């Protein structure tokens, strides 16, 4: 089934679709931010990335965590591995 591109579901997909270029840009900025501060709270990081859709930021965070590039503790503090 092809997306119509105009309904709420299709518009949501467009907003949260992460291209490889976007992913790499967010990843680089995220790693730089975390390494500069040594550790960053997830709320602070999301605030710093406020111009980027939160879903895209979370997708990159989840990927980096699954690849063990970052660690997020129970308090939401992110550090590089």
C-alpha atoms as a PDB file:
ATOM      1  CA  UNK A   1       0.000   0.000   0.000  1.00  0.00           C
ATOM      2  CA  UNK A   2       1.401   3.352  -1.026  1.00  0.00           C
ATOM      3  CA  UNK A   3       1.412   6.336   1.348  1.00  0.00           C
ATOM      4  CA  UNK A   4      -0.976   9.141   0.401  1.00  0.00           C
ATOM      5  CA  UNK A   5       1.345  11.831   1.802  1.00  0.00           C
ATOM      6  CA  UNK A   6      -1.468  13.982   3.156  1.00  0.00           C
ATOM      7  CA  UNK A   7      -3.115  12.152   6.069  1.00  0.00           C
ATOM      8  CA  UNK A   8      -1.904  12.498   9.673  1.00  0.00           C
ATOM      9  CA  UNK A   9      -0.157   9.102   9.562  1.00  0.00           C
ATOM     10  CA  UNK A  10       1.777   9.914   6.394  1.00  0.00           C
ATOM     11  CA  UNK A  11       2.720  13.377   7.640  1.00  0.00           C
ATOM     12  CA  UNK A  12       4.001  11.856  10.899  1.00  0.00           C
ATOM     13  CA  UNK A  13       6.148   9.392   8.923  1.00  0.00           C
ATOM     14  CA  UNK A  14       7.660  12.279   6.940  1.00  0.00           C
ATOM     15  CA  UNK A  15       8.515  14.197  10.118  1.00  0.00           C
ATOM     16  CA  UNK A  16      10.186  11.229  11.796  1.00  0.00           C
ATOM     17  CA  UNK A  17      11.904   9.618   8.794  1.00  0.00           C
ATOM     18  CA  UNK A  18      15.641   9.864   9.369  1.00  0.00           C
ATOM     19  CA  UNK A  19      17.859  10.010   6.297  1.00  0.00           C
ATOM     20  CA  UNK A  20      21.443   8.780   6.519  1.00  0.00           C
ATOM     21  CA  UNK A  21      22.671  12.365   6.149  1.00  0.00           C
ATOM     22  CA  UNK A  22      20.458  13.542   9.015  1.00  0.00           C
ATOM     23  CA  UNK A  23      21.532  10.597  11.130  1.00  0.00           C
ATOM     24  CA  UNK A  24      25.215  11.341  10.611  1.00  0.00           C
ATOM     25  CA  UNK A  25      24.755  15.060  11.293  1.00  0.00           C
ATOM     26  CA  UNK A  26      22.870  14.386  14.528  1.00  0.00           C
ATOM     27  CA  UNK A  27      25.324  11.664  15.578  1.00  0.00           C
ATOM     28  CA  UNK A  28      28.361  13.907  15.070  1.00  0.00           C
ATOM     29  CA  UNK A  29      26.792  16.813  16.946  1.00  0.00           C
ATOM     30  CA  UNK A  30      25.679  14.496  19.743  1.00  0.00           C
ATOM     31  CA  UNK A  31      29.105  12.905  20.222  1.00  0.00           C
ATOM     32  CA  UNK A  32      30.765  16.327  20.164  1.00  0.00           C
ATOM     33  CA  UNK A  33      28.317  17.699  22.729  1.00  0.00           C
ATOM     34  CA  UNK A  34      28.742  14.731  25.078  1.00  0.00           C
ATOM     35  CA  UNK A  35      32.537  14.713  24.793  1.00  0.00           C
ATOM     36  CA  UNK A  36      32.726  18.465  25.419  1.00  0.00           C
ATOM     37  CA  UNK A  37      30.708  18.235  28.632  1.00  0.00           C
ATOM     38  CA  UNK A  38      32.013  14.777  29.696  1.00  0.00           C
ATOM     39  CA  UNK A  39      28.400  13.901  30.552  1.00  0.00           C
ATOM     40  CA  UNK A  40      25.030  15.324  29.585  1.00  0.00           C
ATOM     41  CA  UNK A  41      21.527  14.815  30.928  1.00  0.00           C
ATOM     42  CA  UNK A  42      19.028  13.607  28.318  1.00  0.00           C
ATOM     43  CA  UNK A  43      16.778  16.613  28.982  1.00  0.00           C
ATOM     44  CA  UNK A  44      19.701  18.992  28.406  1.00  0.00           C
ATOM     45  CA  UNK A  45      20.670  17.171  25.225  1.00  0.00           C
ATOM     46  CA  UNK A  46      17.123  17.312  23.863  1.00  0.00           C
ATOM     47  CA  UNK A  47      17.037  21.034  24.672  1.00  0.00           C
ATOM     48  CA  UNK A  48      20.295  21.542  22.785  1.00  0.00           C
ATOM     49  CA  UNK A  49      18.795  19.691  19.819  1.00  0.00           C
ATOM     50  CA  UNK A  50      15.477  21.562  20.006  1.00  0.00           C
ATOM     51  CA  UNK A  51      15.620  22.429  16.284  1.00  0.00           C
ATOM     52  CA  UNK A  52      15.595  18.715  15.440  1.00  0.00           C
ATOM     53  CA  UNK A  53      12.456  16.599  15.806  1.00  0.00           C
ATOM     54  CA  UNK A  54      12.670  14.734  19.144  1.00  0.00           C
ATOM     55  CA  UNK A  55      11.902  11.401  17.509  1.00  0.00           C
ATOM     56  CA  UNK A  56      14.960  11.734  15.290  1.00  0.00           C
ATOM     57  CA  UNK A  57      17.154  12.613  18.255  1.00  0.00           C
ATOM     58  CA  UNK A  58      15.821   9.609  20.186  1.00  0.00           C
ATOM     59  CA  UNK A  59      16.457   7.322  17.204  1.00  0.00           C
ATOM     60  CA  UNK A  60      20.138   8.334  17.166  1.00  0.00           C
ATOM     61  CA  UNK A  61      20.406   8.040  20.965  1.00  0.00           C
ATOM     62  CA  UNK A  62      18.911   4.550  20.880  1.00  0.00           C
ATOM     63  CA  UNK A  63      21.251   3.495  18.080  1.00  0.00           C
ATOM     64  CA  UNK A  64      24.349   4.799  19.874  1.00  0.00           C
ATOM     65  CA  UNK A  65      23.272   3.072  23.064  1.00  0.00           C
ATOM     66  CA  UNK A  66      22.593  -0.233  21.286  1.00  0.00           C
ATOM     67  CA  UNK A  67      26.025  -0.020  19.657  1.00  0.00           C
ATOM     68  CA  UNK A  68      27.541   0.695  23.100  1.00  0.00           C
ATOM     69  CA  UNK A  69      28.954   4.035  21.971  1.00  0.00           C
ATOM     70  CA  UNK A  70      27.166   5.832  24.818  1.00  0.00           C
ATOM     71  CA  UNK A  71      25.808   4.866  28.219  1.00  0.00           C
ATOM     72  CA  UNK A  72      22.605   6.301  29.676  1.00  0.00           C
ATOM     73  CA  UNK A  73      22.236   5.678  33.399  1.00  0.00           C
ATOM     74  CA  UNK A  74      19.005   5.459  35.387  1.00  0.00           C
ATOM     75  CA  UNK A  75      19.140   9.199  36.066  1.00  0.00           C
ATOM     76  CA  UNK A  76      19.256   9.997  32.337  1.00  0.00           C
ATOM     77  CA  UNK A  77      22.936  11.002  32.335  1.00  0.00           C
ATOM     78  CA  UNK A  78      24.698  10.219  29.045  1.00  0.00           C
ATOM     79  CA  UNK A  79      28.413   9.462  28.844  1.00  0.00           C
ATOM     80  CA  UNK A  80      30.612   8.195  26.025  1.00  0.00           C
ATOM     81  CA  UNK A  81      31.822   4.599  26.298  1.00  0.00           C
END
